[in-house]
């Protein structure tokens, strides 16, 4: 299992992130991930529902440092996992945050962290 940068909250798109709420949700995710494995896939699911047949990797053990969120990523030992691992070695792909939240008066509030998917940077 390799530790990776999952989300850089210093990026312009995350301007206004509420760090207090984010830290609380990281703690909740870590507590939950001891009982429930969080799986990601290639590209975000269109309807928010991820069938396990699309799973490529699991994410666990999050920590936040300097507005950068890191976690352990383990690729599944199947065709999907191998494909995702290859994509991440390509500079055109990155880990993409998947969660539930809201934007109020320019402030980004995270309600729940779901997982990270492999997405195109374009």
PDB file of N, CA and C in Angstrom:
ATOM      1  N   UNK A   1       0.853  -1.169   0.000  1.00  0.00           N
ATOM      2  CA  UNK A   1       0.000   0.000   0.000  1.00  0.00           C
ATOM      3  C   UNK A   1       0.899   1.232   0.000  1.00  0.00           C
ATOM      4  N   UNK A   2       0.630   2.147  -0.904  1.00  0.00           N
ATOM      5  CA  UNK A   2       1.468   3.323  -1.057  1.00  0.00           C
ATOM      6  C   UNK A   2       0.711   4.579  -0.622  1.00  0.00           C
ATOM      7  N   UNK A   3       1.405   5.445   0.098  1.00  0.00           N
ATOM      8  CA  UNK A   3       0.819   6.718   0.504  1.00  0.00           C
ATOM      9  C   UNK A   3       0.930   7.693  -0.668  1.00  0.00           C
ATOM     10  N   UNK A   4      -0.166   8.372  -0.976  1.00  0.00           N
ATOM     11  CA  UNK A   4      -0.208   9.289  -2.119  1.00  0.00           C
ATOM     12  C   UNK A   4      -0.876  10.607  -1.734  1.00  0.00           C
ATOM     13  N   UNK A   5      -0.541  11.628  -2.500  1.00  0.00           N
ATOM     14  CA  UNK A   5      -1.273  12.886  -2.401  1.00  0.00           C
ATOM     15  C   UNK A   5      -2.640  12.645  -3.034  1.00  0.00           C
ATOM     16  N   UNK A   6      -3.694  12.884  -2.281  1.00  0.00           N
ATOM     17  CA  UNK A   6      -5.047  12.671  -2.786  1.00  0.00           C
ATOM     18  C   UNK A   6      -5.657  13.970  -3.289  1.00  0.00           C
ATOM     19  N   UNK A   7      -5.569  15.020  -2.487  1.00  0.00           N
ATOM     20  CA  UNK A   7      -6.158  16.305  -2.865  1.00  0.00           C
ATOM     21  C   UNK A   7      -5.299  17.436  -2.325  1.00  0.00           C
ATOM     22  N   UNK A   8      -4.982  18.381  -3.209  1.00  0.00           N
ATOM     23  CA  UNK A   8      -4.251  19.578  -2.812  1.00  0.00           C
ATOM     24  C   UNK A   8      -5.268  20.700  -2.651  1.00  0.00           C
ATOM     25  N   UNK A   9      -5.613  21.007  -1.418  1.00  0.00           N
ATOM     26  CA  UNK A   9      -6.611  22.036  -1.144  1.00  0.00           C
ATOM     27  C   UNK A   9      -6.040  23.450  -1.270  1.00  0.00           C
ATOM     28  N   UNK A  10      -4.775  23.575  -1.692  1.00  0.00           N
ATOM     29  CA  UNK A  10      -4.190  24.878  -2.002  1.00  0.00           C
ATOM     30  C   UNK A  10      -4.572  25.338  -3.413  1.00  0.00           C
ATOM     31  N   UNK A  11      -5.093  24.426  -4.233  1.00  0.00           N
ATOM     32  CA  UNK A  11      -5.450  24.770  -5.609  1.00  0.00           C
ATOM     33  C   UNK A  11      -6.613  25.745  -5.635  1.00  0.00           C
ATOM     34  N   UNK A  12      -6.639  26.570  -6.672  1.00  0.00           N
ATOM     35  CA  UNK A  12      -7.652  27.618  -6.805  1.00  0.00           C
ATOM     36  C   UNK A  12      -9.079  27.078  -6.672  1.00  0.00           C
ATOM     37  N   UNK A  13      -9.345  25.898  -7.228  1.00  0.00           N
ATOM     38  CA  UNK A  13     -10.711  25.360  -7.188  1.00  0.00           C
ATOM     39  C   UNK A  13     -11.194  25.104  -5.764  1.00  0.00           C
ATOM     40  N   UNK A  14     -10.252  24.988  -4.805  1.00  0.00           N
ATOM     41  CA  UNK A  14     -10.620  24.724  -3.409  1.00  0.00           C
ATOM     42  C   UNK A  14     -10.556  25.979  -2.540  1.00  0.00           C
ATOM     43  N   UNK A  15     -10.405  27.153  -3.182  1.00  0.00           N
ATOM     44  CA  UNK A  15     -10.407  28.401  -2.426  1.00  0.00           C
ATOM     45  C   UNK A  15     -11.710  28.480  -1.635  1.00  0.00           C
ATOM     46  N   UNK A  16     -11.629  28.748  -0.370  1.00  0.00           N
ATOM     47  CA  UNK A  16     -12.829  28.843   0.461  1.00  0.00           C
ATOM     48  C   UNK A  16     -13.141  27.571   1.234  1.00  0.00           C
ATOM     49  N   UNK A  17     -12.262  26.555   1.138  1.00  0.00           N
ATOM     50  CA  UNK A  17     -12.506  25.310   1.878  1.00  0.00           C
ATOM     51  C   UNK A  17     -12.490  25.593   3.385  1.00  0.00           C
ATOM     52  N   UNK A  18     -13.466  25.085   4.081  1.00  0.00           N
ATOM     53  CA  UNK A  18     -13.529  25.230   5.532  1.00  0.00           C
ATOM     54  C   UNK A  18     -12.650  24.131   6.134  1.00  0.00           C
ATOM     55  N   UNK A  19     -11.465  24.493   6.596  1.00  0.00           N
ATOM     56  CA  UNK A  19     -10.499  23.511   7.096  1.00  0.00           C
ATOM     57  C   UNK A  19     -10.961  22.820   8.378  1.00  0.00           C
ATOM     58  N   UNK A  20     -11.698  23.537   9.206  1.00  0.00           N
ATOM     59  CA  UNK A  20     -12.181  22.924  10.446  1.00  0.00           C
ATOM     60  C   UNK A  20     -13.115  21.755  10.117  1.00  0.00           C
ATOM     61  N   UNK A  21     -14.058  22.000   9.222  1.00  0.00           N
ATOM     62  CA  UNK A  21     -14.989  20.945   8.807  1.00  0.00           C
ATOM     63  C   UNK A  21     -14.244  19.821   8.108  1.00  0.00           C
ATOM     64  N   UNK A  22     -13.291  20.173   7.246  1.00  0.00           N
ATOM     65  CA  UNK A  22     -12.516  19.155   6.529  1.00  0.00           C
ATOM     66  C   UNK A  22     -11.785  18.243   7.511  1.00  0.00           C
ATOM     67  N   UNK A  23     -11.150  18.817   8.522  1.00  0.00           N
ATOM     68  CA  UNK A  23     -10.431  18.012   9.515  1.00  0.00           C
ATOM     69  C   UNK A  23     -11.380  17.058  10.248  1.00  0.00           C
ATOM     70  N   UNK A  24     -12.582  17.540  10.561  1.00  0.00           N
ATOM     71  CA  UNK A  24     -13.579  16.683  11.220  1.00  0.00           C
ATOM     72  C   UNK A  24     -13.961  15.519  10.306  1.00  0.00           C
ATOM     73  N   UNK A  25     -14.134  15.806   9.023  1.00  0.00           N
ATOM     74  CA  UNK A  25     -14.559  14.764   8.082  1.00  0.00           C
ATOM     75  C   UNK A  25     -13.437  13.767   7.810  1.00  0.00           C
ATOM     76  N   UNK A  26     -12.189  14.210   7.854  1.00  0.00           N
ATOM     77  CA  UNK A  26     -11.046  13.295   7.720  1.00  0.00           C
ATOM     78  C   UNK A  26     -11.045  12.324   8.890  1.00  0.00           C
ATOM     79  N   UNK A  27     -11.274  12.853  10.088  1.00  0.00           N
ATOM     80  CA  UNK A  27     -11.326  12.001  11.284  1.00  0.00           C
ATOM     81  C   UNK A  27     -12.466  10.988  11.172  1.00  0.00           C
ATOM     82  N   UNK A  28     -13.648  11.446  10.742  1.00  0.00           N
ATOM     83  CA  UNK A  28     -14.792  10.544  10.561  1.00  0.00           C
ATOM     84  C   UNK A  28     -14.478   9.460   9.529  1.00  0.00           C
ATOM     85  N   UNK A  29     -13.840   9.856   8.409  1.00  0.00           N
ATOM     86  CA  UNK A  29     -13.481   8.893   7.361  1.00  0.00           C
ATOM     87  C   UNK A  29     -12.546   7.834   7.923  1.00  0.00           C
ATOM     88  N   UNK A  30     -11.538   8.261   8.662  1.00  0.00           N
ATOM     89  CA  UNK A  30     -10.578   7.304   9.228  1.00  0.00           C
ATOM     90  C   UNK A  30     -11.255   6.347  10.199  1.00  0.00           C
ATOM     91  N   UNK A  31     -12.157   6.846  11.026  1.00  0.00           N
ATOM     92  CA  UNK A  31     -12.891   5.978  11.954  1.00  0.00           C
ATOM     93  C   UNK A  31     -13.778   4.995  11.193  1.00  0.00           C
ATOM     94  N   UNK A  32     -14.438   5.492  10.166  1.00  0.00           N
ATOM     95  CA  UNK A  32     -15.342   4.665   9.363  1.00  0.00           C
ATOM     96  C   UNK A  32     -14.577   3.636   8.536  1.00  0.00           C
ATOM     97  N   UNK A  33     -13.390   4.008   8.042  1.00  0.00           N
ATOM     98  CA  UNK A  33     -12.659   3.109   7.143  1.00  0.00           C
ATOM     99  C   UNK A  33     -12.105   1.882   7.869  1.00  0.00           C
ATOM    100  N   UNK A  34     -12.113   1.888   9.190  1.00  0.00           N
ATOM    101  CA  UNK A  34     -11.693   0.701   9.924  1.00  0.00           C
ATOM    102  C   UNK A  34     -12.753  -0.393   9.833  1.00  0.00           C
ATOM    103  N   UNK A  35     -14.002   0.010   9.558  1.00  0.00           N
ATOM    104  CA  UNK A  35     -15.095  -0.950   9.438  1.00  0.00           C
ATOM    105  C   UNK A  35     -15.589  -1.090   8.002  1.00  0.00           C
ATOM    106  N   UNK A  36     -15.411  -0.048   7.210  1.00  0.00           N
ATOM    107  CA  UNK A  36     -15.973   0.000   5.860  1.00  0.00           C
ATOM    108  C   UNK A  36     -14.877   0.459   4.898  1.00  0.00           C
ATOM    109  N   UNK A  37     -14.576  -0.357   3.913  1.00  0.00           N
ATOM    110  CA  UNK A  37     -13.527  -0.013   2.958  1.00  0.00           C
ATOM    111  C   UNK A  37     -14.082   0.973   1.939  1.00  0.00           C
ATOM    112  N   UNK A  38     -13.311   2.012   1.642  1.00  0.00           N
ATOM    113  CA  UNK A  38     -13.693   3.004   0.658  1.00  0.00           C
ATOM    114  C   UNK A  38     -13.016   2.675  -0.665  1.00  0.00           C
ATOM    115  N   UNK A  39     -13.815   2.422  -1.685  1.00  0.00           N
ATOM    116  CA  UNK A  39     -13.281   2.078  -2.997  1.00  0.00           C
ATOM    117  C   UNK A  39     -13.439   3.241  -3.973  1.00  0.00           C
ATOM    118  N   UNK A  40     -12.484   3.346  -4.895  1.00  0.00           N
ATOM    119  CA  UNK A  40     -12.563   4.312  -5.971  1.00  0.00           C
ATOM    120  C   UNK A  40     -12.565   3.594  -7.299  1.00  0.00           C
ATOM    121  N   UNK A  41     -12.746   4.362  -8.364  1.00  0.00           N
ATOM    122  CA  UNK A  41     -12.812   3.781  -9.700  1.00  0.00           C
ATOM    123  C   UNK A  41     -12.180   4.747 -10.697  1.00  0.00           C
ATOM    124  N   UNK A  42     -12.168   4.366 -11.968  1.00  0.00           N
ATOM    125  CA  UNK A  42     -11.693   5.251 -13.027  1.00  0.00           C
ATOM    126  C   UNK A  42     -12.864   6.145 -13.419  1.00  0.00           C
ATOM    127  N   UNK A  43     -12.684   7.456 -13.285  1.00  0.00           N
ATOM    128  CA  UNK A  43     -13.698   8.501 -13.491  1.00  0.00           C
ATOM    129  C   UNK A  43     -14.766   8.423 -12.395  1.00  0.00           C
ATOM    130  N   UNK A  44     -15.349   9.572 -12.091  1.00  0.00           N
ATOM    131  CA  UNK A  44     -16.407   9.630 -11.083  1.00  0.00           C
ATOM    132  C   UNK A  44     -17.653   8.912 -11.606  1.00  0.00           C
ATOM    133  N   UNK A  45     -18.375   8.199 -10.742  1.00  0.00           N
ATOM    134  CA  UNK A  45     -19.623   7.573 -11.192  1.00  0.00           C
ATOM    135  C   UNK A  45     -20.646   8.651 -11.553  1.00  0.00           C
ATOM    136  N   UNK A  46     -21.354   8.456 -12.632  1.00  0.00           N
ATOM    137  CA  UNK A  46     -22.305   9.467 -13.114  1.00  0.00           C
ATOM    138  C   UNK A  46     -23.481   9.681 -12.161  1.00  0.00           C
ATOM    139  N   UNK A  47     -23.922   8.625 -11.507  1.00  0.00           N
ATOM    140  CA  UNK A  47     -25.077   8.734 -10.617  1.00  0.00           C
ATOM    141  C   UNK A  47     -24.690   8.708  -9.138  1.00  0.00           C
ATOM    142  N   UNK A  48     -23.381   8.741  -8.863  1.00  0.00           N
ATOM    143  CA  UNK A  48     -22.913   8.721  -7.483  1.00  0.00           C
ATOM    144  C   UNK A  48     -22.832   7.333  -6.874  1.00  0.00           C
ATOM    145  N   UNK A  49     -23.334   6.352  -7.599  1.00  0.00           N
ATOM    146  CA  UNK A  49     -23.318   4.979  -7.102  1.00  0.00           C
ATOM    147  C   UNK A  49     -22.207   4.225  -7.815  1.00  0.00           C
ATOM    148  N   UNK A  50     -21.358   3.604  -7.033  1.00  0.00           N
ATOM    149  CA  UNK A  50     -20.216   2.884  -7.586  1.00  0.00           C
ATOM    150  C   UNK A  50     -20.409   1.383  -7.414  1.00  0.00           C
ATOM    151  N   UNK A  51     -20.707   0.674  -8.512  1.00  0.00           N
ATOM    152  CA  UNK A  51     -20.784  -0.783  -8.385  1.00  0.00           C
ATOM    153  C   UNK A  51     -19.390  -1.346  -8.102  1.00  0.00           C
ATOM    154  N   UNK A  52     -19.318  -2.336  -7.250  1.00  0.00           N
ATOM    155  CA  UNK A  52     -18.012  -2.913  -6.911  1.00  0.00           C
ATOM    156  C   UNK A  52     -17.287  -3.482  -8.127  1.00  0.00           C
ATOM    157  N   UNK A  53     -18.023  -3.792  -9.182  1.00  0.00           N
ATOM    158  CA  UNK A  53     -17.372  -4.308 -10.395  1.00  0.00           C
ATOM    159  C   UNK A  53     -16.512  -3.253 -11.070  1.00  0.00           C
ATOM    160  N   UNK A  54     -16.710  -1.960 -10.714  1.00  0.00           N
ATOM    161  CA  UNK A  54     -15.910  -0.867 -11.277  1.00  0.00           C
ATOM    162  C   UNK A  54     -14.746  -0.471 -10.366  1.00  0.00           C
ATOM    163  N   UNK A  55     -14.695  -1.022  -9.179  1.00  0.00           N
ATOM    164  CA  UNK A  55     -13.680  -0.633  -8.198  1.00  0.00           C
ATOM    165  C   UNK A  55     -12.275  -0.933  -8.716  1.00  0.00           C
ATOM    166  N   UNK A  56     -11.353   0.002  -8.454  1.00  0.00           N
ATOM    167  CA  UNK A  56      -9.960  -0.149  -8.886  1.00  0.00           C
ATOM    168  C   UNK A  56      -8.984  -0.102  -7.716  1.00  0.00           C
ATOM    169  N   UNK A  57      -9.381   0.561  -6.627  1.00  0.00           N
ATOM    170  CA  UNK A  57      -8.455   0.763  -5.512  1.00  0.00           C
ATOM    171  C   UNK A  57      -9.241   1.067  -4.236  1.00  0.00           C
ATOM    172  N   UNK A  58      -8.564   0.910  -3.120  1.00  0.00           N
ATOM    173  CA  UNK A  58      -9.132   1.315  -1.836  1.00  0.00           C
ATOM    174  C   UNK A  58      -8.302   2.459  -1.275  1.00  0.00           C
ATOM    175  N   UNK A  59      -8.930   3.273  -0.442  1.00  0.00           N
ATOM    176  CA  UNK A  59      -8.273   4.430   0.167  1.00  0.00           C
ATOM    177  C   UNK A  59      -8.475   4.346   1.674  1.00  0.00           C
ATOM    178  N   UNK A  60      -7.405   4.603   2.431  1.00  0.00           N
ATOM    179  CA  UNK A  60      -7.494   4.567   3.895  1.00  0.00           C
ATOM    180  C   UNK A  60      -6.438   5.475   4.505  1.00  0.00           C
ATOM    181  N   UNK A  61      -6.477   5.605   5.822  1.00  0.00           N
ATOM    182  CA  UNK A  61      -5.449   6.280   6.614  1.00  0.00           C
ATOM    183  C   UNK A  61      -5.119   7.680   6.092  1.00  0.00           C
ATOM    184  N   UNK A  62      -6.122   8.558   6.122  1.00  0.00           N
ATOM    185  CA  UNK A  62      -5.941   9.929   5.639  1.00  0.00           C
ATOM    186  C   UNK A  62      -5.197  10.785   6.649  1.00  0.00           C
ATOM    187  N   UNK A  63      -4.415  11.736   6.144  1.00  0.00           N
ATOM    188  CA  UNK A  63      -3.895  12.787   7.015  1.00  0.00           C
ATOM    189  C   UNK A  63      -3.706  14.064   6.215  1.00  0.00           C
ATOM    190  N   UNK A  64      -3.913  15.193   6.887  1.00  0.00           N
ATOM    191  CA  UNK A  64      -3.867  16.517   6.281  1.00  0.00           C
ATOM    192  C   UNK A  64      -2.628  17.243   6.765  1.00  0.00           C
ATOM    193  N   UNK A  65      -1.855  17.771   5.816  1.00  0.00           N
ATOM    194  CA  UNK A  65      -0.660  18.556   6.156  1.00  0.00           C
ATOM    195  C   UNK A  65      -0.539  19.696   5.152  1.00  0.00           C
ATOM    196  N   UNK A  66      -0.481  20.930   5.654  1.00  0.00           N
ATOM    197  CA  UNK A  66      -0.328  22.110   4.804  1.00  0.00           C
ATOM    198  C   UNK A  66      -1.376  22.167   3.692  1.00  0.00           C
ATOM    199  N   UNK A  67      -2.629  21.885   4.055  1.00  0.00           N
ATOM    200  CA  UNK A  67      -3.761  21.900   3.121  1.00  0.00           C
ATOM    201  C   UNK A  67      -3.610  20.885   1.991  1.00  0.00           C
ATOM    202  N   UNK A  68      -2.822  19.839   2.230  1.00  0.00           N
ATOM    203  CA  UNK A  68      -2.703  18.724   1.288  1.00  0.00           C
ATOM    204  C   UNK A  68      -3.153  17.469   2.017  1.00  0.00           C
ATOM    205  N   UNK A  69      -4.041  16.720   1.370  1.00  0.00           N
ATOM    206  CA  UNK A  69      -4.584  15.523   1.982  1.00  0.00           C
ATOM    207  C   UNK A  69      -3.926  14.294   1.357  1.00  0.00           C
ATOM    208  N   UNK A  70      -3.361  13.463   2.219  1.00  0.00           N
ATOM    209  CA  UNK A  70      -2.671  12.245   1.797  1.00  0.00           C
ATOM    210  C   UNK A  70      -3.424  11.039   2.339  1.00  0.00           C
ATOM    211  N   UNK A  71      -3.213   9.905   1.705  1.00  0.00           N
ATOM    212  CA  UNK A  71      -3.814   8.677   2.177  1.00  0.00           C
ATOM    213  C   UNK A  71      -3.127   7.473   1.573  1.00  0.00           C
ATOM    214  N   UNK A  72      -3.431   6.325   2.146  1.00  0.00           N
ATOM    215  CA  UNK A  72      -2.893   5.074   1.610  1.00  0.00           C
ATOM    216  C   UNK A  72      -3.827   4.582   0.508  1.00  0.00           C
ATOM    217  N   UNK A  73      -3.225   4.261  -0.627  1.00  0.00           N
ATOM    218  CA  UNK A  73      -3.982   3.765  -1.770  1.00  0.00           C
ATOM    219  C   UNK A  73      -3.464   2.375  -2.106  1.00  0.00           C
ATOM    220  N   UNK A  74      -4.387   1.425  -2.165  1.00  0.00           N
ATOM    221  CA  UNK A  74      -4.019   0.060  -2.538  1.00  0.00           C
ATOM    222  C   UNK A  74      -4.819  -0.328  -3.780  1.00  0.00           C
ATOM    223  N   UNK A  75      -4.103  -0.624  -4.866  1.00  0.00           N
ATOM    224  CA  UNK A  75      -4.768  -1.027  -6.100  1.00  0.00           C
ATOM    225  C   UNK A  75      -5.189  -2.484  -5.998  1.00  0.00           C
ATOM    226  N   UNK A  76      -6.389  -2.750  -6.474  1.00  0.00           N
ATOM    227  CA  UNK A  76      -6.897  -4.115  -6.459  1.00  0.00           C
ATOM    228  C   UNK A  76      -6.073  -4.974  -7.413  1.00  0.00           C
ATOM    229  N   UNK A  77      -5.954  -6.211  -7.070  1.00  0.00           N
ATOM    230  CA  UNK A  77      -5.156  -7.131  -7.877  1.00  0.00           C
ATOM    231  C   UNK A  77      -6.045  -7.773  -8.936  1.00  0.00           C
ATOM    232  N   UNK A  78      -6.537  -6.913  -9.833  1.00  0.00           N
ATOM    233  CA  UNK A  78      -7.368  -7.361 -10.947  1.00  0.00           C
ATOM    234  C   UNK A  78      -7.125  -6.418 -12.136  1.00  0.00           C
ATOM    235  N   UNK A  79      -7.828  -6.648 -13.220  1.00  0.00           N
ATOM    236  CA  UNK A  79      -7.632  -5.844 -14.431  1.00  0.00           C
ATOM    237  C   UNK A  79      -7.925  -4.361 -14.187  1.00  0.00           C
ATOM    238  N   UNK A  80      -8.997  -4.070 -13.444  1.00  0.00           N
ATOM    239  CA  UNK A  80      -9.350  -2.676 -13.143  1.00  0.00           C
ATOM    240  C   UNK A  80      -8.244  -1.985 -12.348  1.00  0.00           C
ATOM    241  N   UNK A  81      -7.732  -2.666 -11.337  1.00  0.00           N
ATOM    242  CA  UNK A  81      -6.677  -2.097 -10.505  1.00  0.00           C
ATOM    243  C   UNK A  81      -5.399  -1.839 -11.284  1.00  0.00           C
ATOM    244  N   UNK A  82      -5.047  -2.773 -12.149  1.00  0.00           N
ATOM    245  CA  UNK A  82      -3.845  -2.606 -12.981  1.00  0.00           C
ATOM    246  C   UNK A  82      -4.004  -1.421 -13.931  1.00  0.00           C
ATOM    247  N   UNK A  83      -5.175  -1.281 -14.526  1.00  0.00           N
ATOM    248  CA  UNK A  83      -5.435  -0.153 -15.440  1.00  0.00           C
ATOM    249  C   UNK A  83      -5.334   1.178 -14.703  1.00  0.00           C
ATOM    250  N   UNK A  84      -5.923   1.262 -13.525  1.00  0.00           N
ATOM    251  CA  UNK A  84      -5.894   2.504 -12.746  1.00  0.00           C
ATOM    252  C   UNK A  84      -4.469   2.864 -12.342  1.00  0.00           C
ATOM    253  N   UNK A  85      -3.703   1.878 -11.922  1.00  0.00           N
ATOM    254  CA  UNK A  85      -2.326   2.118 -11.522  1.00  0.00           C
ATOM    255  C   UNK A  85      -1.516   2.675 -12.700  1.00  0.00           C
ATOM    256  N   UNK A  86      -1.725   2.135 -13.884  1.00  0.00           N
ATOM    257  CA  UNK A  86      -1.032   2.631 -15.083  1.00  0.00           C
ATOM    258  C   UNK A  86      -1.443   4.061 -15.407  1.00  0.00           C
ATOM    259  N   UNK A  87      -2.733   4.358 -15.291  1.00  0.00           N
ATOM    260  CA  UNK A  87      -3.205   5.710 -15.582  1.00  0.00           C
ATOM    261  C   UNK A  87      -2.563   6.742 -14.657  1.00  0.00           C
ATOM    262  N   UNK A  88      -2.430   6.415 -13.384  1.00  0.00           N
ATOM    263  CA  UNK A  88      -1.858   7.376 -12.432  1.00  0.00           C
ATOM    264  C   UNK A  88      -0.384   7.645 -12.690  1.00  0.00           C
ATOM    265  N   UNK A  89       0.274   6.738 -13.378  1.00  0.00           N
ATOM    266  CA  UNK A  89       1.681   6.964 -13.733  1.00  0.00           C
ATOM    267  C   UNK A  89       1.796   7.927 -14.904  1.00  0.00           C
ATOM    268  N   UNK A  90       0.675   8.201 -15.562  1.00  0.00           N
ATOM    269  CA  UNK A  90       0.605   9.120 -16.684  1.00  0.00           C
ATOM    270  C   UNK A  90       0.290  10.516 -16.128  1.00  0.00           C
ATOM    271  N   UNK A  91       0.978  11.530 -16.584  1.00  0.00           N
ATOM    272  CA  UNK A  91       0.775  12.891 -16.073  1.00  0.00           C
ATOM    273  C   UNK A  91      -0.593  13.485 -16.392  1.00  0.00           C
ATOM    274  N   UNK A  92      -1.388  12.820 -17.205  1.00  0.00           N
ATOM    275  CA  UNK A  92      -2.693  13.355 -17.576  1.00  0.00           C
ATOM    276  C   UNK A  92      -3.801  12.959 -16.599  1.00  0.00           C
ATOM    277  N   UNK A  93      -3.472  12.173 -15.563  1.00  0.00           N
ATOM    278  CA  UNK A  93      -4.473  11.690 -14.613  1.00  0.00           C
ATOM    279  C   UNK A  93      -4.052  11.990 -13.185  1.00  0.00           C
ATOM    280  N   UNK A  94      -5.052  12.091 -12.309  1.00  0.00           N
ATOM    281  CA  UNK A  94      -4.806  12.360 -10.894  1.00  0.00           C
ATOM    282  C   UNK A  94      -5.933  11.767 -10.059  1.00  0.00           C
ATOM    283  N   UNK A  95      -5.763  11.818  -8.757  1.00  0.00           N
ATOM    284  CA  UNK A  95      -6.814  11.391  -7.840  1.00  0.00           C
ATOM    285  C   UNK A  95      -7.834  12.527  -7.747  1.00  0.00           C
ATOM    286  N   UNK A  96      -9.103  12.197  -7.862  1.00  0.00           N
ATOM    287  CA  UNK A  96     -10.169  13.194  -7.794  1.00  0.00           C
ATOM    288  C   UNK A  96     -11.080  12.939  -6.608  1.00  0.00           C
ATOM    289  N   UNK A  97     -11.237  13.934  -5.765  1.00  0.00           N
ATOM    290  CA  UNK A  97     -12.050  13.867  -4.551  1.00  0.00           C
ATOM    291  C   UNK A  97     -13.513  13.583  -4.905  1.00  0.00           C
ATOM    292  N   UNK A  98     -14.130  12.664  -4.155  1.00  0.00           N
ATOM    293  CA  UNK A  98     -15.568  12.409  -4.287  1.00  0.00           C
ATOM    294  C   UNK A  98     -16.180  12.523  -2.907  1.00  0.00           C
ATOM    295  N   UNK A  99     -17.106  13.447  -2.766  1.00  0.00           N
ATOM    296  CA  UNK A  99     -17.735  13.648  -1.475  1.00  0.00           C
ATOM    297  C   UNK A  99     -19.064  14.361  -1.606  1.00  0.00           C
ATOM    298  N   UNK A 100     -19.638  14.662  -0.472  1.00  0.00           N
ATOM    299  CA  UNK A 100     -20.915  15.367  -0.409  1.00  0.00           C
ATOM    300  C   UNK A 100     -20.667  16.649   0.375  1.00  0.00           C
ATOM    301  N   UNK A 101     -21.208  17.749  -0.118  1.00  0.00           N
ATOM    302  CA  UNK A 101     -21.014  19.007   0.576  1.00  0.00           C
ATOM    303  C   UNK A 101     -21.838  20.111  -0.042  1.00  0.00           C
ATOM    304  N   UNK A 102     -21.462  21.331   0.303  1.00  0.00           N
ATOM    305  CA  UNK A 102     -22.219  22.488  -0.140  1.00  0.00           C
ATOM    306  C   UNK A 102     -21.289  23.691  -0.208  1.00  0.00           C
ATOM    307  N   UNK A 103     -21.684  24.681  -0.984  1.00  0.00           N
ATOM    308  CA  UNK A 103     -20.976  25.961  -1.016  1.00  0.00           C
ATOM    309  C   UNK A 103     -21.961  27.020  -0.549  1.00  0.00           C
ATOM    310  N   UNK A 104     -21.595  27.708   0.530  1.00  0.00           N
ATOM    311  CA  UNK A 104     -22.445  28.762   1.086  1.00  0.00           C
ATOM    312  C   UNK A 104     -21.636  30.028   1.219  1.00  0.00           C
ATOM    313  N   UNK A 105     -22.066  31.058   0.517  1.00  0.00           N
ATOM    314  CA  UNK A 105     -21.377  32.360   0.550  1.00  0.00           C
ATOM    315  C   UNK A 105     -19.889  32.218   0.267  1.00  0.00           C
ATOM    316  N   UNK A 106     -19.556  31.376  -0.718  1.00  0.00           N
ATOM    317  CA  UNK A 106     -18.159  31.193  -1.121  1.00  0.00           C
ATOM    318  C   UNK A 106     -17.360  30.242  -0.243  1.00  0.00           C
ATOM    319  N   UNK A 107     -17.985  29.709   0.796  1.00  0.00           N
ATOM    320  CA  UNK A 107     -17.293  28.774   1.682  1.00  0.00           C
ATOM    321  C   UNK A 107     -17.667  27.339   1.313  1.00  0.00           C
ATOM    322  N   UNK A 108     -16.641  26.481   1.125  1.00  0.00           N
ATOM    323  CA  UNK A 108     -16.859  25.083   0.773  1.00  0.00           C
ATOM    324  C   UNK A 108     -16.948  24.269   2.059  1.00  0.00           C
ATOM    325  N   UNK A 109     -18.097  23.626   2.245  1.00  0.00           N
ATOM    326  CA  UNK A 109     -18.336  22.820   3.439  1.00  0.00           C
ATOM    327  C   UNK A 109     -18.473  21.361   3.024  1.00  0.00           C
ATOM    328  N   UNK A 110     -17.615  20.509   3.546  1.00  0.00           N
ATOM    329  CA  UNK A 110     -17.658  19.077   3.257  1.00  0.00           C
ATOM    330  C   UNK A 110     -18.554  18.412   4.298  1.00  0.00           C
ATOM    331  N   UNK A 111     -19.578  17.676   3.835  1.00  0.00           N
ATOM    332  CA  UNK A 111     -20.463  16.946   4.745  1.00  0.00           C
ATOM    333  C   UNK A 111     -19.989  15.512   4.957  1.00  0.00           C
ATOM    334  N   UNK A 112     -19.457  14.902   3.877  1.00  0.00           N
ATOM    335  CA  UNK A 112     -19.003  13.522   3.983  1.00  0.00           C
ATOM    336  C   UNK A 112     -17.984  13.237   2.895  1.00  0.00           C
ATOM    337  N   UNK A 113     -16.895  12.580   3.267  1.00  0.00           N
ATOM    338  CA  UNK A 113     -15.896  12.132   2.302  1.00  0.00           C
ATOM    339  C   UNK A 113     -16.279  10.712   1.882  1.00  0.00           C
ATOM    340  N   UNK A 114     -16.419  10.498   0.567  1.00  0.00           N
ATOM    341  CA  UNK A 114     -16.776   9.174   0.066  1.00  0.00           C
ATOM    342  C   UNK A 114     -15.539   8.403  -0.380  1.00  0.00           C
ATOM    343  N   UNK A 115     -14.777   8.976  -1.306  1.00  0.00           N
ATOM    344  CA  UNK A 115     -13.579   8.296  -1.803  1.00  0.00           C
ATOM    345  C   UNK A 115     -12.837   9.211  -2.767  1.00  0.00           C
ATOM    346  N   UNK A 116     -11.916   8.614  -3.524  1.00  0.00           N
ATOM    347  CA  UNK A 116     -11.189   9.303  -4.588  1.00  0.00           C
ATOM    348  C   UNK A 116     -11.227   8.410  -5.808  1.00  0.00           C
ATOM    349  N   UNK A 117     -11.405   9.041  -6.964  1.00  0.00           N
ATOM    350  CA  UNK A 117     -11.425   8.324  -8.227  1.00  0.00           C
ATOM    351  C   UNK A 117     -10.247   8.793  -9.069  1.00  0.00           C
ATOM    352  N   UNK A 118      -9.900   8.002 -10.073  1.00  0.00           N
ATOM    353  CA  UNK A 118      -8.843   8.372 -11.025  1.00  0.00           C
ATOM    354  C   UNK A 118      -9.519   9.192 -12.112  1.00  0.00           C
ATOM    355  N   UNK A 119      -9.128  10.467 -12.249  1.00  0.00           N
ATOM    356  CA  UNK A 119      -9.765  11.338 -13.221  1.00  0.00           C
ATOM    357  C   UNK A 119      -8.732  12.001 -14.124  1.00  0.00           C
ATOM    358  N   UNK A 120      -9.215  12.453 -15.263  1.00  0.00           N
ATOM    359  CA  UNK A 120      -8.362  13.181 -16.199  1.00  0.00           C
ATOM    360  C   UNK A 120      -8.106  14.582 -15.664  1.00  0.00           C
ATOM    361  N   UNK A 121      -6.901  15.109 -15.846  1.00  0.00           N
ATOM    362  CA  UNK A 121      -6.585  16.471 -15.406  1.00  0.00           C
ATOM    363  C   UNK A 121      -7.189  17.503 -16.346  1.00  0.00           C
ATOM    364  N   UNK A 122      -7.637  17.086 -17.507  1.00  0.00           N
ATOM    365  CA  UNK A 122      -8.168  18.039 -18.507  1.00  0.00           C
ATOM    366  C   UNK A 122      -9.598  18.379 -18.255  1.00  0.00           C
TER     367      UNK A 122
END
